[in-house]
Amino acid sequence: MPIVTIQVTREGTMAGAASLTAEEKAVLIKGSSELLRDVLGKPLESTFVVIEEVDTDNWGWGGLPALEFRRRRAAQAG
């Protein structure tokens, strides 16, 4: 029984959105399940998919919180 965990940032995919839509989540679940079926031969009904939305305050890179890293990168580019 495969378990797939998908982590995405809680930013949504459209301006002003605070999370993924139910439709986007359904597509991720379907696609992940089909991938495991096609690659590993696992039946759709035996695959569990968990989607975790991570607040931007809870992750970072380059030694900085994510939003600060982005601000600095934008300032350097502009």
PDB file of N, CA and C in Angstrom:
ATOM      1  N   MET A   1       0.840  -1.171   0.000  1.00  0.00           N
ATOM      2  CA  MET A   1       0.000   0.000   0.000  1.00  0.00           C
ATOM      3  C   MET A   1       0.888   1.237   0.000  1.00  0.00           C
ATOM      4  N   PRO A   2       0.995   1.946  -1.105  1.00  0.00           N
ATOM      5  CA  PRO A   2       1.811   3.155  -1.144  1.00  0.00           C
ATOM      6  C   PRO A   2       1.110   4.331  -0.465  1.00  0.00           C
ATOM      7  N   ILE A   3       1.913   5.158   0.154  1.00  0.00           N
ATOM      8  CA  ILE A   3       1.440   6.422   0.717  1.00  0.00           C
ATOM      9  C   ILE A   3       2.311   7.518   0.120  1.00  0.00           C
ATOM     10  N   VAL A   4       1.681   8.473  -0.517  1.00  0.00           N
ATOM     11  CA  VAL A   4       2.376   9.592  -1.141  1.00  0.00           C
ATOM     12  C   VAL A   4       2.056  10.846  -0.342  1.00  0.00           C
ATOM     13  N   THR A   5       3.079  11.601   0.029  1.00  0.00           N
ATOM     14  CA  THR A   5       2.865  12.880   0.691  1.00  0.00           C
ATOM     15  C   THR A   5       3.360  13.980  -0.234  1.00  0.00           C
ATOM     16  N   ILE A   6       2.479  14.920  -0.511  1.00  0.00           N
ATOM     17  CA  ILE A   6       2.819  16.067  -1.354  1.00  0.00           C
ATOM     18  C   ILE A   6       2.796  17.296  -0.458  1.00  0.00           C
ATOM     19  N   GLN A   7       3.909  18.001  -0.407  1.00  0.00           N
ATOM     20  CA  GLN A   7       3.964  19.238   0.362  1.00  0.00           C
ATOM     21  C   GLN A   7       3.994  20.413  -0.606  1.00  0.00           C
ATOM     22  N   VAL A   8       3.110  21.359  -0.376  1.00  0.00           N
ATOM     23  CA  VAL A   8       3.065  22.580  -1.184  1.00  0.00           C
ATOM     24  C   VAL A   8       2.988  23.763  -0.233  1.00  0.00           C
ATOM     25  N   THR A   9       3.479  24.895  -0.681  1.00  0.00           N
ATOM     26  CA  THR A   9       3.374  26.080   0.159  1.00  0.00           C
ATOM     27  C   THR A   9       1.939  26.588   0.146  1.00  0.00           C
ATOM     28  N   ARG A  10       1.532  27.125   1.262  1.00  0.00           N
ATOM     29  CA  ARG A  10       0.166  27.641   1.406  1.00  0.00           C
ATOM     30  C   ARG A  10       0.117  29.052   0.808  1.00  0.00           C
ATOM     31  N   GLU A  11       0.227  29.086  -0.499  1.00  0.00           N
ATOM     32  CA  GLU A  11       0.174  30.364  -1.205  1.00  0.00           C
ATOM     33  C   GLU A  11      -0.858  30.349  -2.310  1.00  0.00           C
ATOM     34  N   GLY A  12      -1.395  29.188  -2.593  1.00  0.00           N
ATOM     35  CA  GLY A  12      -2.344  29.111  -3.681  1.00  0.00           C
ATOM     36  C   GLY A  12      -1.662  29.256  -5.021  1.00  0.00           C
ATOM     37  N   THR A  13      -2.421  29.066  -6.053  1.00  0.00           N
ATOM     38  CA  THR A  13      -1.857  29.165  -7.387  1.00  0.00           C
ATOM     39  C   THR A  13      -2.349  30.402  -8.130  1.00  0.00           C
ATOM     40  N   MET A  14      -3.291  31.112  -7.514  1.00  0.00           N
ATOM     41  CA  MET A  14      -3.817  32.327  -8.126  1.00  0.00           C
ATOM     42  C   MET A  14      -3.622  33.484  -7.161  1.00  0.00           C
ATOM     43  N   ALA A  15      -3.530  34.692  -7.683  1.00  0.00           N
ATOM     44  CA  ALA A  15      -3.369  35.867  -6.826  1.00  0.00           C
ATOM     45  C   ALA A  15      -4.502  35.934  -5.810  1.00  0.00           C
ATOM     46  N   GLY A  16      -4.140  36.155  -4.564  1.00  0.00           N
ATOM     47  CA  GLY A  16      -5.129  36.274  -3.501  1.00  0.00           C
ATOM     48  C   GLY A  16      -5.573  34.959  -2.887  1.00  0.00           C
ATOM     49  N   ALA A  17      -5.168  33.828  -3.474  1.00  0.00           N
ATOM     50  CA  ALA A  17      -5.557  32.526  -2.932  1.00  0.00           C
ATOM     51  C   ALA A  17      -4.627  32.159  -1.781  1.00  0.00           C
ATOM     52  N   ALA A  18      -5.202  31.586  -0.724  1.00  0.00           N
ATOM     53  CA  ALA A  18      -4.421  31.214   0.446  1.00  0.00           C
ATOM     54  C   ALA A  18      -4.108  29.726   0.478  1.00  0.00           C
ATOM     55  N   SER A  19      -4.609  28.987  -0.492  1.00  0.00           N
ATOM     56  CA  SER A  19      -4.344  27.545  -0.531  1.00  0.00           C
ATOM     57  C   SER A  19      -4.721  27.008  -1.903  1.00  0.00           C
ATOM     58  N   LEU A  20      -4.427  25.757  -2.119  1.00  0.00           N
ATOM     59  CA  LEU A  20      -4.862  25.096  -3.347  1.00  0.00           C
ATOM     60  C   LEU A  20      -6.378  24.976  -3.346  1.00  0.00           C
ATOM     61  N   THR A  21      -6.943  24.899  -4.519  1.00  0.00           N
ATOM     62  CA  THR A  21      -8.386  24.675  -4.609  1.00  0.00           C
ATOM     63  C   THR A  21      -8.676  23.179  -4.475  1.00  0.00           C
ATOM     64  N   ALA A  22      -9.924  22.860  -4.189  1.00  0.00           N
ATOM     65  CA  ALA A  22     -10.332  21.453  -4.112  1.00  0.00           C
ATOM     66  C   ALA A  22     -10.081  20.757  -5.442  1.00  0.00           C
ATOM     67  N   GLU A  23     -10.277  21.473  -6.543  1.00  0.00           N
ATOM     68  CA  GLU A  23     -10.055  20.898  -7.867  1.00  0.00           C
ATOM     69  C   GLU A  23      -8.578  20.595  -8.099  1.00  0.00           C
ATOM     70  N   GLU A  24      -7.702  21.499  -7.690  1.00  0.00           N
ATOM     71  CA  GLU A  24      -6.262  21.265  -7.829  1.00  0.00           C
ATOM     72  C   GLU A  24      -5.824  20.059  -6.998  1.00  0.00           C
ATOM     73  N   LYS A  25      -6.352  19.958  -5.781  1.00  0.00           N
ATOM     74  CA  LYS A  25      -6.015  18.829  -4.926  1.00  0.00           C
ATOM     75  C   LYS A  25      -6.488  17.517  -5.554  1.00  0.00           C
ATOM     76  N   ALA A  26      -7.681  17.527  -6.130  1.00  0.00           N
ATOM     77  CA  ALA A  26      -8.208  16.317  -6.777  1.00  0.00           C
ATOM     78  C   ALA A  26      -7.303  15.881  -7.929  1.00  0.00           C
ATOM     79  N   VAL A  27      -6.805  16.834  -8.708  1.00  0.00           N
ATOM     80  CA  VAL A  27      -5.906  16.516  -9.824  1.00  0.00           C
ATOM     81  C   VAL A  27      -4.594  15.932  -9.304  1.00  0.00           C
ATOM     82  N   LEU A  28      -4.049  16.501  -8.225  1.00  0.00           N
ATOM     83  CA  LEU A  28      -2.821  15.962  -7.637  1.00  0.00           C
ATOM     84  C   LEU A  28      -3.024  14.535  -7.141  1.00  0.00           C
ATOM     85  N   ILE A  29      -4.138  14.282  -6.490  1.00  0.00           N
ATOM     86  CA  ILE A  29      -4.430  12.944  -5.982  1.00  0.00           C
ATOM     87  C   ILE A  29      -4.569  11.952  -7.125  1.00  0.00           C
ATOM     88  N   LYS A  30      -5.325  12.338  -8.137  1.00  0.00           N
ATOM     89  CA  LYS A  30      -5.529  11.450  -9.288  1.00  0.00           C
ATOM     90  C   LYS A  30      -4.204  11.167 -10.001  1.00  0.00           C
ATOM     91  N   GLY A  31      -3.444  12.215 -10.271  1.00  0.00           N
ATOM     92  CA  GLY A  31      -2.193  12.051 -11.000  1.00  0.00           C
ATOM     93  C   GLY A  31      -1.175  11.218 -10.242  1.00  0.00           C
ATOM     94  N   SER A  32      -1.059  11.442  -8.944  1.00  0.00           N
ATOM     95  CA  SER A  32      -0.121  10.664  -8.127  1.00  0.00           C
ATOM     96  C   SER A  32      -0.514   9.199  -8.095  1.00  0.00           C
ATOM     97  N   SER A  33      -1.800   8.952  -7.935  1.00  0.00           N
ATOM     98  CA  SER A  33      -2.288   7.565  -7.895  1.00  0.00           C
ATOM     99  C   SER A  33      -2.066   6.862  -9.225  1.00  0.00           C
ATOM    100  N   GLU A  34      -2.322   7.563 -10.316  1.00  0.00           N
ATOM    101  CA  GLU A  34      -2.114   6.972 -11.638  1.00  0.00           C
ATOM    102  C   GLU A  34      -0.629   6.713 -11.911  1.00  0.00           C
ATOM    103  N   LEU A  35       0.236   7.598 -11.441  1.00  0.00           N
ATOM    104  CA  LEU A  35       1.671   7.399 -11.611  1.00  0.00           C
ATOM    105  C   LEU A  35       2.124   6.114 -10.912  1.00  0.00           C
ATOM    106  N   LEU A  36       1.674   5.894  -9.688  1.00  0.00           N
ATOM    107  CA  LEU A  36       2.051   4.679  -8.967  1.00  0.00           C
ATOM    108  C   LEU A  36       1.441   3.437  -9.611  1.00  0.00           C
ATOM    109  N   ARG A  37       0.262   3.580 -10.172  1.00  0.00           N
ATOM    110  CA  ARG A  37      -0.326   2.462 -10.904  1.00  0.00           C
ATOM    111  C   ARG A  37       0.524   2.127 -12.125  1.00  0.00           C
ATOM    112  N   ASP A  38       0.901   3.154 -12.882  1.00  0.00           N
ATOM    113  CA  ASP A  38       1.645   2.936 -14.127  1.00  0.00           C
ATOM    114  C   ASP A  38       3.076   2.464 -13.890  1.00  0.00           C
ATOM    115  N   VAL A  39       3.727   2.980 -12.853  1.00  0.00           N
ATOM    116  CA  VAL A  39       5.131   2.651 -12.611  1.00  0.00           C
ATOM    117  C   VAL A  39       5.288   1.398 -11.759  1.00  0.00           C
ATOM    118  N   LEU A  40       4.479   1.281 -10.710  1.00  0.00           N
ATOM    119  CA  LEU A  40       4.640   0.179  -9.761  1.00  0.00           C
ATOM    120  C   LEU A  40       3.563  -0.889  -9.859  1.00  0.00           C
ATOM    121  N   GLY A  41       2.560  -0.646 -10.697  1.00  0.00           N
ATOM    122  CA  GLY A  41       1.474  -1.615 -10.823  1.00  0.00           C
ATOM    123  C   GLY A  41       0.538  -1.638  -9.627  1.00  0.00           C
ATOM    124  N   LYS A  42       0.500  -0.567  -8.852  1.00  0.00           N
ATOM    125  CA  LYS A  42      -0.347  -0.504  -7.661  1.00  0.00           C
ATOM    126  C   LYS A  42      -1.763  -0.076  -8.052  1.00  0.00           C
ATOM    127  N   PRO A  43      -2.773  -0.799  -7.584  1.00  0.00           N
ATOM    128  CA  PRO A  43      -4.147  -0.396  -7.902  1.00  0.00           C
ATOM    129  C   PRO A  43      -4.483   0.961  -7.272  1.00  0.00           C
ATOM    130  N   LEU A  44      -5.321   1.721  -7.963  1.00  0.00           N
ATOM    131  CA  LEU A  44      -5.695   3.045  -7.466  1.00  0.00           C
ATOM    132  C   LEU A  44      -6.253   2.977  -6.049  1.00  0.00           C
ATOM    133  N   GLU A  45      -7.057   1.965  -5.774  1.00  0.00           N
ATOM    134  CA  GLU A  45      -7.710   1.894  -4.471  1.00  0.00           C
ATOM    135  C   GLU A  45      -6.764   1.523  -3.326  1.00  0.00           C
ATOM    136  N   SER A  46      -5.516   1.181  -3.636  1.00  0.00           N
ATOM    137  CA  SER A  46      -4.574   0.869  -2.560  1.00  0.00           C
ATOM    138  C   SER A  46      -3.587   2.004  -2.302  1.00  0.00           C
ATOM    139  N   THR A  47      -3.720   3.104  -3.033  1.00  0.00           N
ATOM    140  CA  THR A  47      -2.794   4.224  -2.895  1.00  0.00           C
ATOM    141  C   THR A  47      -3.431   5.354  -2.098  1.00  0.00           C
ATOM    142  N   PHE A  48      -2.711   5.803  -1.083  1.00  0.00           N
ATOM    143  CA  PHE A  48      -3.164   6.917  -0.263  1.00  0.00           C
ATOM    144  C   PHE A  48      -2.313   8.138  -0.606  1.00  0.00           C
ATOM    145  N   VAL A  49      -2.958   9.286  -0.758  1.00  0.00           N
ATOM    146  CA  VAL A  49      -2.253  10.529  -1.063  1.00  0.00           C
ATOM    147  C   VAL A  49      -2.608  11.551   0.014  1.00  0.00           C
ATOM    148  N   VAL A  50      -1.581  12.134   0.611  1.00  0.00           N
ATOM    149  CA  VAL A  50      -1.759  13.155   1.633  1.00  0.00           C
ATOM    150  C   VAL A  50      -1.173  14.452   1.088  1.00  0.00           C
ATOM    151  N   ILE A  51      -1.955  15.513   1.141  1.00  0.00           N
ATOM    152  CA  ILE A  51      -1.481  16.828   0.697  1.00  0.00           C
ATOM    153  C   ILE A  51      -1.320  17.700   1.932  1.00  0.00           C
ATOM    154  N   GLU A  52      -0.106  18.181   2.148  1.00  0.00           N
ATOM    155  CA  GLU A  52       0.193  19.059   3.273  1.00  0.00           C
ATOM    156  C   GLU A  52       0.492  20.451   2.733  1.00  0.00           C
ATOM    157  N   GLU A  53      -0.235  21.427   3.221  1.00  0.00           N
ATOM    158  CA  GLU A  53       0.021  22.806   2.839  1.00  0.00           C
ATOM    159  C   GLU A  53       0.839  23.460   3.948  1.00  0.00           C
ATOM    160  N   VAL A  54       1.989  23.995   3.580  1.00  0.00           N
ATOM    161  CA  VAL A  54       2.938  24.546   4.540  1.00  0.00           C
ATOM    162  C   VAL A  54       2.849  26.074   4.501  1.00  0.00           C
ATOM    163  N   ASP A  55       2.588  26.678   5.660  1.00  0.00           N
ATOM    164  CA  ASP A  55       2.564  28.138   5.740  1.00  0.00           C
ATOM    165  C   ASP A  55       3.936  28.700   5.401  1.00  0.00           C
ATOM    166  N   THR A  56       3.964  29.864   4.771  1.00  0.00           N
ATOM    167  CA  THR A  56       5.246  30.455   4.384  1.00  0.00           C
ATOM    168  C   THR A  56       6.115  30.779   5.589  1.00  0.00           C
ATOM    169  N   ASP A  57       5.526  30.948   6.774  1.00  0.00           N
ATOM    170  CA  ASP A  57       6.313  31.187   7.988  1.00  0.00           C
ATOM    171  C   ASP A  57       7.049  29.938   8.447  1.00  0.00           C
ATOM    172  N   ASN A  58       6.695  28.775   7.914  1.00  0.00           N
ATOM    173  CA  ASN A  58       7.222  27.506   8.402  1.00  0.00           C
ATOM    174  C   ASN A  58       8.263  26.871   7.498  1.00  0.00           C
ATOM    175  N   TRP A  59       8.856  27.635   6.601  1.00  0.00           N
ATOM    176  CA  TRP A  59       9.918  27.081   5.770  1.00  0.00           C
ATOM    177  C   TRP A  59      10.817  28.213   5.285  1.00  0.00           C
ATOM    178  N   GLY A  60      11.954  27.836   4.796  1.00  0.00           N
ATOM    179  CA  GLY A  60      12.881  28.827   4.291  1.00  0.00           C
ATOM    180  C   GLY A  60      13.997  28.163   3.519  1.00  0.00           C
ATOM    181  N   TRP A  61      14.858  28.980   2.948  1.00  0.00           N
ATOM    182  CA  TRP A  61      16.059  28.467   2.288  1.00  0.00           C
ATOM    183  C   TRP A  61      17.099  29.564   2.269  1.00  0.00           C
ATOM    184  N   GLY A  62      18.332  29.166   2.008  1.00  0.00           N
ATOM    185  CA  GLY A  62      19.419  30.142   2.007  1.00  0.00           C
ATOM    186  C   GLY A  62      19.662  30.734   3.386  1.00  0.00           C
ATOM    187  N   GLY A  63      19.258  30.023   4.438  1.00  0.00           N
ATOM    188  CA  GLY A  63      19.466  30.514   5.793  1.00  0.00           C
ATOM    189  C   GLY A  63      18.467  31.556   6.247  1.00  0.00           C
ATOM    190  N   LEU A  64      17.414  31.773   5.464  1.00  0.00           N
ATOM    191  CA  LEU A  64      16.434  32.807   5.779  1.00  0.00           C
ATOM    192  C   LEU A  64      15.013  32.255   5.693  1.00  0.00           C
ATOM    193  N   PRO A  65      14.069  32.884   6.410  1.00  0.00           N
ATOM    194  CA  PRO A  65      12.665  32.549   6.170  1.00  0.00           C
ATOM    195  C   PRO A  65      12.336  32.818   4.698  1.00  0.00           C
ATOM    196  N   ALA A  66      11.446  32.044   4.142  1.00  0.00           N
ATOM    197  CA  ALA A  66      11.157  32.091   2.702  1.00  0.00           C
ATOM    198  C   ALA A  66      10.819  33.487   2.193  1.00  0.00           C
ATOM    199  N   LEU A  67       9.950  34.204   2.884  1.00  0.00           N
ATOM    200  CA  LEU A  67       9.539  35.515   2.390  1.00  0.00           C
ATOM    201  C   LEU A  67      10.697  36.517   2.413  1.00  0.00           C
ATOM    202  N   GLU A  68      11.560  36.431   3.429  1.00  0.00           N
ATOM    203  CA  GLU A  68      12.730  37.314   3.480  1.00  0.00           C
ATOM    204  C   GLU A  68      13.713  36.975   2.361  1.00  0.00           C
ATOM    205  N   PHE A  69      13.915  35.680   2.107  1.00  0.00           N
ATOM    206  CA  PHE A  69      14.787  35.261   1.009  1.00  0.00           C
ATOM    207  C   PHE A  69      14.276  35.842  -0.300  1.00  0.00           C
ATOM    208  N   ARG A  70      12.970  35.739  -0.539  1.00  0.00           N
ATOM    209  CA  ARG A  70      12.377  36.285  -1.771  1.00  0.00           C
ATOM    210  C   ARG A  70      12.558  37.794  -1.859  1.00  0.00           C
ATOM    211  N   ARG A  71      12.345  38.498  -0.740  1.00  0.00           N
ATOM    212  CA  ARG A  71      12.512  39.971  -0.753  1.00  0.00           C
ATOM    213  C   ARG A  71      13.934  40.343  -1.139  1.00  0.00           C
ATOM    214  N   ARG A  72      14.904  39.655  -0.564  1.00  0.00           N
ATOM    215  CA  ARG A  72      16.309  39.973  -0.857  1.00  0.00           C
ATOM    216  C   ARG A  72      16.654  39.641  -2.305  1.00  0.00           C
ATOM    217  N   ARG A  73      16.151  38.530  -2.781  1.00  0.00           N
ATOM    218  CA  ARG A  73      16.421  38.137  -4.177  1.00  0.00           C
ATOM    219  C   ARG A  73      15.812  39.167  -5.135  1.00  0.00           C
ATOM    220  N   ALA A  74      14.587  39.615  -4.844  1.00  0.00           N
ATOM    221  CA  ALA A  74      13.938  40.613  -5.700  1.00  0.00           C
ATOM    222  C   ALA A  74      14.694  41.934  -5.671  1.00  0.00           C
ATOM    223  N   ALA A  75      15.207  42.312  -4.502  1.00  0.00           N
ATOM    224  CA  ALA A  75      15.962  43.572  -4.392  1.00  0.00           C
ATOM    225  C   ALA A  75      17.256  43.493  -5.191  1.00  0.00           C
ATOM    226  N   GLN A  76      17.893  42.331  -5.205  1.00  0.00           N
ATOM    227  CA  GLN A  76      19.127  42.169  -5.966  1.00  0.00           C
ATOM    228  C   GLN A  76      18.861  42.189  -7.464  1.00  0.00           C
ATOM    229  N   ALA A  77      17.726  41.646  -7.878  1.00  0.00           N
ATOM    230  CA  ALA A  77      17.397  41.576  -9.301  1.00  0.00           C
ATOM    231  C   ALA A  77      16.915  42.922  -9.833  1.00  0.00           C
ATOM    232  N   GLY A  78      16.299  43.716  -8.969  1.00  0.00           N
ATOM    233  CA  GLY A  78      15.698  44.971  -9.428  1.00  0.00           C
ATOM    234  C   GLY A  78      16.630  46.090  -9.403  1.00  0.00           C
TER     235      GLY A  78
END
